[in-house]
C-alpha cells in the first residue's frame, strides 16, 4: 500500500519537474567581467579559508593527541592512613575509577583513596 503511494508521489514530482523545466525560456547570458572577477575572488577566499581551517583542525588534533600520550606520575594516597604509592602512567590511560600503568598493571582506586597527578618533565 505504501509503495503505491510513494510511486504515485514520485510520478507527480517527475511530471512537475518536467513541466517546470519546459516553461523556462532560454535566455542568453551576457558575461559581466566585474561580476566574474568578484565571483572568482569570493570562491578563492572561501577555498583559502577552508584550507586554513583544515590546517588549524589538524594542528589542534595533533596537539590534543600529543597531550593525551604524555607520561605523568600518579600518586595514590590513602586518606585514612596517609600511605602514598606512585605510578608512571600515560595520561590517556587514567579513568575515573582507576588507571593502567606503563608496565600494564591495572590499578583500581578505592573510595577512601585519592589520586594526584604530577607532570613529569
PDB file of N, CA and C in Angstrom:
ATOM      1  N   UNK A   1       0.831  -1.193   0.000  1.00  0.00           N
ATOM      2  CA  UNK A   1       0.000   0.000   0.000  1.00  0.00           C
ATOM      3  C   UNK A   1       0.875   1.256   0.000  1.00  0.00           C
ATOM      4  N   UNK A   2       1.871   1.273   0.899  1.00  0.00           N
ATOM      5  CA  UNK A   2       2.728   2.462   0.981  1.00  0.00           C
ATOM      6  C   UNK A   2       3.559   2.618  -0.291  1.00  0.00           C
ATOM      7  N   UNK A   3       3.902   1.501  -0.917  1.00  0.00           N
ATOM      8  CA  UNK A   3       4.690   1.590  -2.148  1.00  0.00           C
ATOM      9  C   UNK A   3       3.876   2.233  -3.269  1.00  0.00           C
ATOM     10  N   UNK A   4       2.587   1.971  -3.335  1.00  0.00           N
ATOM     11  CA  UNK A   4       1.736   2.589  -4.349  1.00  0.00           C
ATOM     12  C   UNK A   4       1.671   4.096  -4.148  1.00  0.00           C
ATOM     13  N   UNK A   5       1.575   4.524  -2.892  1.00  0.00           N
ATOM     14  CA  UNK A   5       1.536   5.963  -2.594  1.00  0.00           C
ATOM     15  C   UNK A   5       2.854   6.614  -2.966  1.00  0.00           C
ATOM     16  N   UNK A   6       3.963   5.946  -2.630  1.00  0.00           N
ATOM     17  CA  UNK A   6       5.276   6.512  -2.954  1.00  0.00           C
ATOM     18  C   UNK A   6       5.506   6.588  -4.457  1.00  0.00           C
ATOM     19  N   UNK A   7       5.068   5.583  -5.210  1.00  0.00           N
ATOM     20  CA  UNK A   7       5.210   5.613  -6.668  1.00  0.00           C
ATOM     21  C   UNK A   7       4.364   6.736  -7.245  1.00  0.00           C
ATOM     22  N   UNK A   8       3.163   6.907  -6.747  1.00  0.00           N
ATOM     23  CA  UNK A   8       2.291   7.984  -7.228  1.00  0.00           C
ATOM     24  C   UNK A   8       2.918   9.344  -6.965  1.00  0.00           C
ATOM     25  N   UNK A   9       3.448   9.539  -5.784  1.00  0.00           N
ATOM     26  CA  UNK A   9       4.100  10.817  -5.448  1.00  0.00           C
ATOM     27  C   UNK A   9       5.319  11.033  -6.335  1.00  0.00           C
ATOM     28  N   UNK A  10       6.084   9.970  -6.608  1.00  0.00           N
ATOM     29  CA  UNK A  10       7.264  10.094  -7.466  1.00  0.00           C
ATOM     30  C   UNK A  10       6.868  10.479  -8.886  1.00  0.00           C
ATOM     31  N   UNK A  11       5.789   9.903  -9.411  1.00  0.00           N
ATOM     32  CA  UNK A  11       5.325  10.240 -10.759  1.00  0.00           C
ATOM     33  C   UNK A  11       4.865  11.692 -10.808  1.00  0.00           C
ATOM     34  N   UNK A  12       4.118  12.127  -9.816  1.00  0.00           N
ATOM     35  CA  UNK A  12       3.652  13.524  -9.764  1.00  0.00           C
ATOM     36  C   UNK A  12       4.837  14.475  -9.709  1.00  0.00           C
ATOM     37  N   UNK A  13       5.843  14.163  -8.877  1.00  0.00           N
ATOM     38  CA  UNK A  13       7.027  15.026  -8.766  1.00  0.00           C
ATOM     39  C   UNK A  13       7.795  15.080 -10.087  1.00  0.00           C
ATOM     40  N   UNK A  14       7.911  13.944 -10.784  1.00  0.00           N
ATOM     41  CA  UNK A  14       8.606  13.908 -12.069  1.00  0.00           C
ATOM     42  C   UNK A  14       7.874  14.748 -13.105  1.00  0.00           C
ATOM     43  N   UNK A  15       6.562  14.658 -13.109  1.00  0.00           N
ATOM     44  CA  UNK A  15       5.778  15.472 -14.051  1.00  0.00           C
ATOM     45  C   UNK A  15       5.940  16.954 -13.760  1.00  0.00           C
ATOM     46  N   UNK A  16       5.889  17.320 -12.497  1.00  0.00           N
ATOM     47  CA  UNK A  16       6.047  18.733 -12.141  1.00  0.00           C
ATOM     48  C   UNK A  16       7.440  19.234 -12.528  1.00  0.00           C
ATOM     49  N   UNK A  17       8.447  18.419 -12.353  1.00  0.00           N
ATOM     50  CA  UNK A  17       9.806  18.816 -12.695  1.00  0.00           C
ATOM     51  C   UNK A  17       9.938  19.015 -14.199  1.00  0.00           C
ATOM     52  N   UNK A  18       9.356  18.098 -14.976  1.00  0.00           N
ATOM     53  CA  UNK A  18       9.435  18.217 -16.430  1.00  0.00           C
ATOM     54  C   UNK A  18       8.689  19.462 -16.920  1.00  0.00           C
ATOM     55  N   UNK A  19       7.510  19.733 -16.347  1.00  0.00           N
ATOM     56  CA  UNK A  19       6.754  20.910 -16.770  1.00  0.00           C
ATOM     57  C   UNK A  19       7.474  22.203 -16.393  1.00  0.00           C
ATOM     58  N   UNK A  20       8.086  22.234 -15.238  1.00  0.00           N
ATOM     59  CA  UNK A  20       8.772  23.458 -14.841  1.00  0.00           C
ATOM     60  C   UNK A  20      10.038  23.687 -15.659  1.00  0.00           C
ATOM     61  N   UNK A  21      10.690  22.622 -16.091  1.00  0.00           N
ATOM     62  CA  UNK A  21      11.898  22.799 -16.893  1.00  0.00           C
ATOM     63  C   UNK A  21      11.559  23.250 -18.314  1.00  0.00           C
ATOM     64  N   UNK A  22      10.403  22.885 -18.842  1.00  0.00           N
ATOM     65  CA  UNK A  22       9.989  23.322 -20.174  1.00  0.00           C
ATOM     66  C   UNK A  22       9.511  24.767 -20.186  1.00  0.00           C
ATOM     67  N   UNK A  23       8.970  25.236 -19.105  1.00  0.00           N
ATOM     68  CA  UNK A  23       8.367  26.565 -19.062  1.00  0.00           C
ATOM     69  C   UNK A  23       9.408  27.679 -19.069  1.00  0.00           C
ATOM     70  N   UNK A  24      10.634  27.362 -18.731  1.00  0.00           N
ATOM     71  CA  UNK A  24      11.649  28.409 -18.651  1.00  0.00           C
ATOM     72  C   UNK A  24      12.194  28.733 -20.037  1.00  0.00           C
ATOM     73  N   UNK A  25      12.147  30.021 -20.387  1.00  0.00           N
ATOM     74  CA  UNK A  25      12.714  30.389 -21.693  1.00  0.00           C
ATOM     75  C   UNK A  25      14.243  30.397 -21.609  1.00  0.00           C
ATOM     76  N   UNK A  26      14.874  30.068 -22.704  1.00  0.00           N
ATOM     77  CA  UNK A  26      16.324  30.046 -22.773  1.00  0.00           C
ATOM     78  C   UNK A  26      16.810  31.464 -23.048  1.00  0.00           C
ATOM     79  N   UNK A  27      17.472  32.055 -22.076  1.00  0.00           N
ATOM     80  CA  UNK A  27      17.994  33.402 -22.231  1.00  0.00           C
ATOM     81  C   UNK A  27      19.504  33.338 -22.372  1.00  0.00           C
ATOM     82  N   UNK A  28      20.013  34.191 -23.224  1.00  0.00           N
ATOM     83  CA  UNK A  28      21.453  34.251 -23.411  1.00  0.00           C
ATOM     84  C   UNK A  28      22.040  35.138 -22.329  1.00  0.00           C
ATOM     85  N   UNK A  29      23.061  34.628 -21.660  1.00  0.00           N
ATOM     86  CA  UNK A  29      23.712  35.403 -20.599  1.00  0.00           C
ATOM     87  C   UNK A  29      24.844  36.214 -21.185  1.00  0.00           C
ATOM     88  N   UNK A  30      24.889  37.462 -20.796  1.00  0.00           N
ATOM     89  CA  UNK A  30      25.977  38.339 -21.197  1.00  0.00           C
ATOM     90  C   UNK A  30      26.976  38.361 -20.052  1.00  0.00           C
ATOM     91  N   UNK A  31      28.209  38.057 -20.365  1.00  0.00           N
ATOM     92  CA  UNK A  31      29.240  37.986 -19.331  1.00  0.00           C
ATOM     93  C   UNK A  31      29.582  39.378 -18.825  1.00  0.00           C
ATOM     94  N   UNK A  32      29.586  39.524 -17.517  1.00  0.00           N
ATOM     95  CA  UNK A  32      29.969  40.776 -16.877  1.00  0.00           C
ATOM     96  C   UNK A  32      31.344  40.532 -16.249  1.00  0.00           C
ATOM     97  N   UNK A  33      32.389  41.158 -16.766  1.00  0.00           N
ATOM     98  CA  UNK A  33      33.737  40.870 -16.268  1.00  0.00           C
ATOM     99  C   UNK A  33      33.911  41.197 -14.777  1.00  0.00           C
ATOM    100  N   UNK A  34      33.284  42.250 -14.303  1.00  0.00           N
ATOM    101  CA  UNK A  34      33.419  42.614 -12.889  1.00  0.00           C
ATOM    102  C   UNK A  34      32.749  41.571 -12.000  1.00  0.00           C
ATOM    103  N   UNK A  35      31.587  41.098 -12.415  1.00  0.00           N
ATOM    104  CA  UNK A  35      30.884  40.085 -11.628  1.00  0.00           C
ATOM    105  C   UNK A  35      31.663  38.772 -11.629  1.00  0.00           C
ATOM    106  N   UNK A  36      32.260  38.424 -12.766  1.00  0.00           N
ATOM    107  CA  UNK A  36      33.065  37.195 -12.842  1.00  0.00           C
ATOM    108  C   UNK A  36      34.289  37.284 -11.930  1.00  0.00           C
ATOM    109  N   UNK A  37      34.931  38.451 -11.922  1.00  0.00           N
ATOM    110  CA  UNK A  37      36.090  38.636 -11.025  1.00  0.00           C
ATOM    111  C   UNK A  37      35.678  38.526  -9.572  1.00  0.00           C
ATOM    112  N   UNK A  38      34.542  39.165  -9.210  1.00  0.00           N
ATOM    113  CA  UNK A  38      34.066  39.085  -7.826  1.00  0.00           C
ATOM    114  C   UNK A  38      33.730  37.648  -7.446  1.00  0.00           C
ATOM    115  N   UNK A  39      33.096  36.930  -8.352  1.00  0.00           N
ATOM    116  CA  UNK A  39      32.739  35.535  -8.084  1.00  0.00           C
ATOM    117  C   UNK A  39      34.000  34.687  -7.881  1.00  0.00           C
ATOM    118  N   UNK A  40      35.001  34.907  -8.731  1.00  0.00           N
ATOM    119  CA  UNK A  40      36.259  34.166  -8.624  1.00  0.00           C
ATOM    120  C   UNK A  40      36.990  34.526  -7.331  1.00  0.00           C
ATOM    121  N   UNK A  41      36.958  35.805  -6.952  1.00  0.00           N
ATOM    122  CA  UNK A  41      37.617  36.248  -5.722  1.00  0.00           C
ATOM    123  C   UNK A  41      36.943  35.634  -4.494  1.00  0.00           C
ATOM    124  N   UNK A  42      35.619  35.618  -4.488  1.00  0.00           N
ATOM    125  CA  UNK A  42      34.890  35.030  -3.357  1.00  0.00           C
ATOM    126  C   UNK A  42      35.167  33.533  -3.275  1.00  0.00           C
ATOM    127  N   UNK A  43      35.186  32.843  -4.425  1.00  0.00           N
ATOM    128  CA  UNK A  43      35.469  31.414  -4.426  1.00  0.00           C
ATOM    129  C   UNK A  43      36.875  31.122  -3.907  1.00  0.00           C
ATOM    130  N   UNK A  44      37.859  31.904  -4.354  1.00  0.00           N
ATOM    131  CA  UNK A  44      39.232  31.707  -3.889  1.00  0.00           C
ATOM    132  C   UNK A  44      39.370  32.019  -2.399  1.00  0.00           C
ATOM    133  N   UNK A  45      38.672  33.048  -1.927  1.00  0.00           N
ATOM    134  CA  UNK A  45      38.714  33.371  -0.495  1.00  0.00           C
ATOM    135  C   UNK A  45      38.088  32.250   0.325  1.00  0.00           C
ATOM    136  N   UNK A  46      36.979  31.689  -0.162  1.00  0.00           N
ATOM    137  CA  UNK A  46      36.339  30.577   0.547  1.00  0.00           C
ATOM    138  C   UNK A  46      37.249  29.351   0.578  1.00  0.00           C
ATOM    139  N   UNK A  47      37.909  29.065  -0.519  1.00  0.00           N
ATOM    140  CA  UNK A  47      38.836  27.932  -0.549  1.00  0.00           C
ATOM    141  C   UNK A  47      40.021  28.160   0.392  1.00  0.00           C
ATOM    142  N   UNK A  48      40.548  29.385   0.402  1.00  0.00           N
ATOM    143  CA  UNK A  48      41.664  29.692   1.308  1.00  0.00           C
ATOM    144  C   UNK A  48      41.225  29.558   2.764  1.00  0.00           C
ATOM    145  N   UNK A  49      40.021  30.024   3.070  1.00  0.00           N
ATOM    146  CA  UNK A  49      39.500  29.893   4.433  1.00  0.00           C
ATOM    147  C   UNK A  49      39.357  28.425   4.819  1.00  0.00           C
ATOM    148  N   UNK A  50      38.860  27.599   3.891  1.00  0.00           N
ATOM    149  CA  UNK A  50      38.710  26.178   4.180  1.00  0.00           C
ATOM    150  C   UNK A  50      40.067  25.511   4.411  1.00  0.00           C
ATOM    151  N   UNK A  51      41.067  25.891   3.638  1.00  0.00           N
ATOM    152  CA  UNK A  51      42.406  25.322   3.821  1.00  0.00           C
ATOM    153  C   UNK A  51      42.971  25.722   5.178  1.00  0.00           C
ATOM    154  N   UNK A  52      42.804  26.986   5.550  1.00  0.00           N
ATOM    155  CA  UNK A  52      43.293  27.448   6.856  1.00  0.00           C
ATOM    156  C   UNK A  52      42.580  26.706   7.980  1.00  0.00           C
ATOM    157  N   UNK A  53      41.268  26.517   7.864  1.00  0.00           N
ATOM    158  CA  UNK A  53      40.523  25.806   8.900  1.00  0.00           C
ATOM    159  C   UNK A  53      40.950  24.344   8.988  1.00  0.00           C
ATOM    160  N   UNK A  54      41.210  23.702   7.857  1.00  0.00           N
ATOM    161  CA  UNK A  54      41.666  22.312   7.876  1.00  0.00           C
ATOM    162  C   UNK A  54      43.042  22.193   8.528  1.00  0.00           C
ATOM    163  N   UNK A  55      43.935  23.111   8.221  1.00  0.00           N
ATOM    164  CA  UNK A  55      45.265  23.090   8.846  1.00  0.00           C
ATOM    165  C   UNK A  55      45.144  23.330  10.344  1.00  0.00           C
ATOM    166  N   UNK A  56      44.315  24.289  10.748  1.00  0.00           N
ATOM    167  CA  UNK A  56      44.128  24.566  12.173  1.00  0.00           C
ATOM    168  C   UNK A  56      43.536  23.358  12.887  1.00  0.00           C
ATOM    169  N   UNK A  57      42.561  22.695  12.282  1.00  0.00           N
ATOM    170  CA  UNK A  57      41.968  21.500  12.890  1.00  0.00           C
ATOM    171  C   UNK A  57      43.002  20.389  13.015  1.00  0.00           C
ATOM    172  N   UNK A  58      43.840  20.224  12.007  1.00  0.00           N
ATOM    173  CA  UNK A  58      44.891  19.212  12.064  1.00  0.00           C
ATOM    174  C   UNK A  58      45.888  19.485  13.175  1.00  0.00           C
ATOM    175  N   UNK A  59      46.280  20.747  13.323  1.00  0.00           N
ATOM    176  CA  UNK A  59      47.212  21.113  14.389  1.00  0.00           C
ATOM    177  C   UNK A  59      46.581  20.881  15.751  1.00  0.00           C
ATOM    178  N   UNK A  60      45.313  21.256  15.910  1.00  0.00           N
ATOM    179  CA  UNK A  60      44.643  21.060  17.197  1.00  0.00           C
ATOM    180  C   UNK A  60      44.525  19.576  17.539  1.00  0.00           C
ATOM    181  N   UNK A  61      44.203  18.747  16.557  1.00  0.00           N
ATOM    182  CA  UNK A  61      44.105  17.305  16.799  1.00  0.00           C
ATOM    183  C   UNK A  61      45.468  16.746  17.176  1.00  0.00           C
ATOM    184  N   UNK A  62      46.516  17.167  16.481  1.00  0.00           N
ATOM    185  CA  UNK A  62      47.860  16.685  16.795  1.00  0.00           C
ATOM    186  C   UNK A  62      48.256  17.069  18.216  1.00  0.00           C
ATOM    187  N   UNK A  63      47.999  18.308  18.601  1.00  0.00           N
ATOM    188  CA  UNK A  63      48.367  18.748  19.952  1.00  0.00           C
ATOM    189  C   UNK A  63      47.564  18.003  21.016  1.00  0.00           C
ATOM    190  N   UNK A  64      46.295  17.728  20.748  1.00  0.00           N
ATOM    191  CA  UNK A  64      45.468  17.005  21.716  1.00  0.00           C
ATOM    192  C   UNK A  64      45.945  15.568  21.871  1.00  0.00           C
ATOM    193  N   UNK A  65      46.258  14.907  20.770  1.00  0.00           N
ATOM    194  CA  UNK A  65      46.753  13.533  20.832  1.00  0.00           C
ATOM    195  C   UNK A  65      48.101  13.504  21.536  1.00  0.00           C
ATOM    196  N   UNK A  66      48.943  14.490  21.265  1.00  0.00           N
ATOM    197  CA  UNK A  66      50.247  14.556  21.914  1.00  0.00           C
ATOM    198  C   UNK A  66      50.096  14.770  23.417  1.00  0.00           C
ATOM    199  N   UNK A  67      49.138  15.592  23.809  1.00  0.00           N
ATOM    200  CA  UNK A  67      48.910  15.850  25.229  1.00  0.00           C
ATOM    201  C   UNK A  67      48.388  14.602  25.941  1.00  0.00           C
ATOM    202  N   UNK A  68      47.531  13.830  25.257  1.00  0.00           N
ATOM    203  CA  UNK A  68      46.968  12.634  25.879  1.00  0.00           C
ATOM    204  C   UNK A  68      47.992  11.534  26.067  1.00  0.00           C
ATOM    205  N   UNK A  69      48.999  11.483  25.205  1.00  0.00           N
ATOM    206  CA  UNK A  69      50.004  10.429  25.318  1.00  0.00           C
ATOM    207  C   UNK A  69      51.155  10.832  26.234  1.00  0.00           C
ATOM    208  N   UNK A  70      51.025  11.951  26.904  1.00  0.00           N
ATOM    209  CA  UNK A  70      52.054  12.429  27.828  1.00  0.00           C
ATOM    210  C   UNK A  70      52.140  11.487  29.040  1.00  0.00           C
ATOM    211  N   UNK A  71      53.369  11.248  29.507  1.00  0.00           N
ATOM    212  CA  UNK A  71      53.584  10.387  30.667  1.00  0.00           C
ATOM    213  C   UNK A  71      53.589  11.246  31.922  1.00  0.00           C
ATOM    214  N   UNK A  72      52.775  10.833  32.911  1.00  0.00           N
ATOM    215  CA  UNK A  72      52.661  11.573  34.167  1.00  0.00           C
ATOM    216  C   UNK A  72      52.900  10.611  35.331  1.00  0.00           C
ATOM    217  N   UNK A  73      53.145  11.178  36.498  1.00  0.00           N
ATOM    218  CA  UNK A  73      53.262  10.394  37.721  1.00  0.00           C
ATOM    219  C   UNK A  73      51.954  10.519  38.486  1.00  0.00           C
ATOM    220  N   UNK A  74      51.382   9.376  38.848  1.00  0.00           N
ATOM    221  CA  UNK A  74      50.125   9.362  39.593  1.00  0.00           C
ATOM    222  C   UNK A  74      50.437   8.898  41.015  1.00  0.00           C
ATOM    223  N   UNK A  75      50.031   9.700  41.976  1.00  0.00           N
ATOM    224  CA  UNK A  75      50.184   9.345  43.388  1.00  0.00           C
ATOM    225  C   UNK A  75      48.815   8.915  43.906  1.00  0.00           C
ATOM    226  N   UNK A  76      48.733   7.685  44.426  1.00  0.00           N
ATOM    227  CA  UNK A  76      47.504   7.185  45.041  1.00  0.00           C
ATOM    228  C   UNK A  76      47.699   7.295  46.543  1.00  0.00           C
ATOM    229  N   UNK A  77      46.858   8.101  47.180  1.00  0.00           N
ATOM    230  CA  UNK A  77      47.007   8.392  48.604  1.00  0.00           C
ATOM    231  C   UNK A  77      45.801   7.847  49.356  1.00  0.00           C
ATOM    232  N   UNK A  78      46.059   7.024  50.370  1.00  0.00           N
ATOM    233  CA  UNK A  78      45.007   6.522  51.237  1.00  0.00           C
ATOM    234  C   UNK A  78      44.684   7.619  52.240  1.00  0.00           C
ATOM    235  N   UNK A  79      43.450   8.077  52.282  1.00  0.00           N
ATOM    236  CA  UNK A  79      43.086   9.215  53.134  1.00  0.00           C
ATOM    237  C   UNK A  79      43.048   8.849  54.609  1.00  0.00           C
ATOM    238  N   UNK A  80      42.891   7.574  54.933  1.00  0.00           N
ATOM    239  CA  UNK A  80      42.836   7.180  56.341  1.00  0.00           C
ATOM    240  C   UNK A  80      44.227   7.006  56.936  1.00  0.00           C
ATOM    241  N   UNK A  81      45.108   6.295  56.209  1.00  0.00           N
ATOM    242  CA  UNK A  81      46.434   6.023  56.763  1.00  0.00           C
ATOM    243  C   UNK A  81      47.486   7.017  56.294  1.00  0.00           C
ATOM    244  N   UNK A  82      47.239   7.702  55.164  1.00  0.00           N
ATOM    245  CA  UNK A  82      48.212   8.647  54.638  1.00  0.00           C
ATOM    246  C   UNK A  82      49.276   7.981  53.780  1.00  0.00           C
ATOM    247  N   UNK A  83      49.180   6.665  53.565  1.00  0.00           N
ATOM    248  CA  UNK A  83      50.149   5.950  52.741  1.00  0.00           C
ATOM    249  C   UNK A  83      50.009   6.383  51.286  1.00  0.00           C
ATOM    250  N   UNK A  84      51.156   6.536  50.638  1.00  0.00           N
ATOM    251  CA  UNK A  84      51.159   7.015  49.260  1.00  0.00           C
ATOM    252  C   UNK A  84      51.940   6.044  48.382  1.00  0.00           C
ATOM    253  N   UNK A  85      51.417   5.771  47.195  1.00  0.00           N
ATOM    254  CA  UNK A  85      52.091   4.937  46.212  1.00  0.00           C
ATOM    255  C   UNK A  85      52.116   5.698  44.897  1.00  0.00           C
ATOM    256  N   UNK A  86      53.264   5.652  44.202  1.00  0.00           N
ATOM    257  CA  UNK A  86      53.418   6.399  42.952  1.00  0.00           C
ATOM    258  C   UNK A  86      53.529   5.442  41.770  1.00  0.00           C
ATOM    259  N   UNK A  87      52.951   5.853  40.640  1.00  0.00           N
ATOM    260  CA  UNK A  87      52.974   5.062  39.412  1.00  0.00           C
ATOM    261  C   UNK A  87      53.258   5.996  38.242  1.00  0.00           C
ATOM    262  N   UNK A  88      53.907   5.443  37.192  1.00  0.00           N
ATOM    263  CA  UNK A  88      54.096   6.179  35.936  1.00  0.00           C
ATOM    264  C   UNK A  88      53.008   5.712  34.976  1.00  0.00           C
ATOM    265  N   UNK A  89      52.254   6.675  34.436  1.00  0.00           N
ATOM    266  CA  UNK A  89      51.061   6.362  33.650  1.00  0.00           C
ATOM    267  C   UNK A  89      50.983   7.304  32.459  1.00  0.00           C
ATOM    268  N   UNK A  90      50.459   6.791  31.325  1.00  0.00           N
ATOM    269  CA  UNK A  90      50.109   7.683  30.215  1.00  0.00           C
ATOM    270  C   UNK A  90      48.816   8.384  30.586  1.00  0.00           C
ATOM    271  N   UNK A  91      48.726   9.663  30.254  1.00  0.00           N
ATOM    272  CA  UNK A  91      47.562  10.460  30.639  1.00  0.00           C
ATOM    273  C   UNK A  91      46.264   9.892  30.059  1.00  0.00           C
ATOM    274  N   UNK A  92      46.351   9.277  28.894  1.00  0.00           N
ATOM    275  CA  UNK A  92      45.169   8.704  28.243  1.00  0.00           C
ATOM    276  C   UNK A  92      44.638   7.489  28.986  1.00  0.00           C
ATOM    277  N   UNK A  93      45.473   6.828  29.791  1.00  0.00           N
ATOM    278  CA  UNK A  93      45.075   5.609  30.491  1.00  0.00           C
ATOM    279  C   UNK A  93      44.471   5.871  31.866  1.00  0.00           C
ATOM    280  N   UNK A  94      44.279   7.129  32.230  1.00  0.00           N
ATOM    281  CA  UNK A  94      43.688   7.454  33.528  1.00  0.00           C
ATOM    282  C   UNK A  94      42.174   7.574  33.362  1.00  0.00           C
ATOM    283  N   UNK A  95      41.440   6.855  34.216  1.00  0.00           N
ATOM    284  CA  UNK A  95      39.975   6.889  34.190  1.00  0.00           C
ATOM    285  C   UNK A  95      39.470   7.297  35.574  1.00  0.00           C
ATOM    286  N   UNK A  96      38.175   7.422  35.707  1.00  0.00           N
ATOM    287  CA  UNK A  96      37.610   7.885  36.978  1.00  0.00           C
ATOM    288  C   UNK A  96      37.774   6.862  38.097  1.00  0.00           C
ATOM    289  N   UNK A  97      37.781   5.582  37.754  1.00  0.00           N
ATOM    290  CA  UNK A  97      37.860   4.558  38.803  1.00  0.00           C
ATOM    291  C   UNK A  97      39.211   3.858  38.867  1.00  0.00           C
ATOM    292  N   UNK A  98      40.155   4.249  38.048  1.00  0.00           N
ATOM    293  CA  UNK A  98      41.473   3.625  38.084  1.00  0.00           C
ATOM    294  C   UNK A  98      42.306   4.022  36.884  1.00  0.00           C
ATOM    295  N   UNK A  99      43.396   3.276  36.674  1.00  0.00           N
ATOM    296  CA  UNK A  99      44.297   3.575  35.573  1.00  0.00           C
ATOM    297  C   UNK A  99      45.134   2.344  35.262  1.00  0.00           C
ATOM    298  N   UNK A 100      45.843   2.394  34.129  1.00  0.00           N
ATOM    299  CA  UNK A 100      46.750   1.324  33.722  1.00  0.00           C
ATOM    300  C   UNK A 100      48.158   1.908  33.681  1.00  0.00           C
ATOM    301  N   UNK A 101      49.099   1.262  34.367  1.00  0.00           N
ATOM    302  CA  UNK A 101      50.466   1.781  34.439  1.00  0.00           C
ATOM    303  C   UNK A 101      51.220   1.486  33.149  1.00  0.00           C
ATOM    304  N   UNK A 102      52.439   2.017  33.050  1.00  0.00           N
ATOM    305  CA  UNK A 102      53.283   1.780  31.886  1.00  0.00           C
ATOM    306  C   UNK A 102      53.661   0.303  31.777  1.00  0.00           C
ATOM    307  N   UNK A 103      53.683  -0.423  32.905  1.00  0.00           N
ATOM    308  CA  UNK A 103      54.014  -1.844  32.915  1.00  0.00           C
ATOM    309  C   UNK A 103      52.812  -2.722  32.573  1.00  0.00           C
ATOM    310  N   UNK A 104      51.634  -2.140  32.386  1.00  0.00           N
ATOM    311  CA  UNK A 104      50.443  -2.891  32.052  1.00  0.00           C
ATOM    312  C   UNK A 104      49.621  -3.322  33.256  1.00  0.00           C
ATOM    313  N   UNK A 105      49.972  -2.835  34.443  1.00  0.00           N
ATOM    314  CA  UNK A 105      49.243  -3.188  35.651  1.00  0.00           C
ATOM    315  C   UNK A 105      48.015  -2.290  35.768  1.00  0.00           C
ATOM    316  N   UNK A 106      46.846  -2.894  35.962  1.00  0.00           N
ATOM    317  CA  UNK A 106      45.626  -2.108  36.152  1.00  0.00           C
ATOM    318  C   UNK A 106      45.449  -1.832  37.638  1.00  0.00           C
ATOM    319  N   UNK A 107      45.289  -0.566  37.980  1.00  0.00           N
ATOM    320  CA  UNK A 107      45.099  -0.147  39.363  1.00  0.00           C
ATOM    321  C   UNK A 107      43.694   0.433  39.481  1.00  0.00           C
ATOM    322  N   UNK A 108      42.933  -0.094  40.433  1.00  0.00           N
ATOM    323  CA  UNK A 108      41.595   0.424  40.703  1.00  0.00           C
ATOM    324  C   UNK A 108      41.654   1.209  42.006  1.00  0.00           C
ATOM    325  N   UNK A 109      41.072   2.392  42.016  1.00  0.00           N
ATOM    326  CA  UNK A 109      41.133   3.278  43.171  1.00  0.00           C
ATOM    327  C   UNK A 109      39.891   3.064  44.021  1.00  0.00           C
ATOM    328  N   UNK A 110      40.114   2.855  45.321  1.00  0.00           N
ATOM    329  CA  UNK A 110      39.001   2.665  46.251  1.00  0.00           C
ATOM    330  C   UNK A 110      38.390   4.012  46.607  1.00  0.00           C
ATOM    331  N   UNK A 111      37.248   3.963  47.257  1.00  0.00           N
ATOM    332  CA  UNK A 111      36.549   5.184  47.647  1.00  0.00           C
ATOM    333  C   UNK A 111      37.293   5.999  48.685  1.00  0.00           C
ATOM    334  N   UNK A 112      38.160   5.361  49.474  1.00  0.00           N
ATOM    335  CA  UNK A 112      38.879   6.085  50.522  1.00  0.00           C
ATOM    336  C   UNK A 112      40.229   6.603  50.034  1.00  0.00           C
ATOM    337  N   UNK A 113      40.538   6.369  48.749  1.00  0.00           N
ATOM    338  CA  UNK A 113      41.815   6.825  48.190  1.00  0.00           C
ATOM    339  C   UNK A 113      41.566   8.009  47.265  1.00  0.00           C
ATOM    340  N   UNK A 114      42.589   8.818  47.126  1.00  0.00           N
ATOM    341  CA  UNK A 114      42.504   9.932  46.168  1.00  0.00           C
ATOM    342  C   UNK A 114      43.714   9.870  45.249  1.00  0.00           C
ATOM    343  N   UNK A 115      43.568  10.483  44.092  1.00  0.00           N
ATOM    344  CA  UNK A 115      44.614  10.457  43.077  1.00  0.00           C
ATOM    345  C   UNK A 115      45.147  11.867  42.894  1.00  0.00           C
ATOM    346  N   UNK A 116      46.476  11.971  42.855  1.00  0.00           N
ATOM    347  CA  UNK A 116      47.129  13.234  42.486  1.00  0.00           C
ATOM    348  C   UNK A 116      47.969  12.973  41.252  1.00  0.00           C
ATOM    349  N   UNK A 117      47.828  13.841  40.276  1.00  0.00           N
ATOM    350  CA  UNK A 117      48.561  13.686  39.016  1.00  0.00           C
ATOM    351  C   UNK A 117      49.634  14.754  38.948  1.00  0.00           C
ATOM    352  N   UNK A 118      50.870  14.317  38.664  1.00  0.00           N
ATOM    353  CA  UNK A 118      52.016  15.226  38.611  1.00  0.00           C
ATOM    354  C   UNK A 118      52.668  15.064  37.242  1.00  0.00           C
ATOM    355  N   UNK A 119      52.942  16.167  36.585  1.00  0.00           N
ATOM    356  CA  UNK A 119      53.603  16.122  35.281  1.00  0.00           C
ATOM    357  C   UNK A 119      55.061  15.741  35.453  1.00  0.00           C
ATOM    358  N   UNK A 120      55.565  14.905  34.554  1.00  0.00           N
ATOM    359  CA  UNK A 120      56.969  14.536  34.529  1.00  0.00           C
ATOM    360  C   UNK A 120      57.650  15.407  33.497  1.00  0.00           C
ATOM    361  N   UNK A 121      58.688  16.104  33.918  1.00  0.00           N
ATOM    362  CA  UNK A 121      59.374  16.998  32.960  1.00  0.00           C
ATOM    363  C   UNK A 121      60.771  16.551  32.708  1.00  0.00           C
TER     364      UNK A 121
END
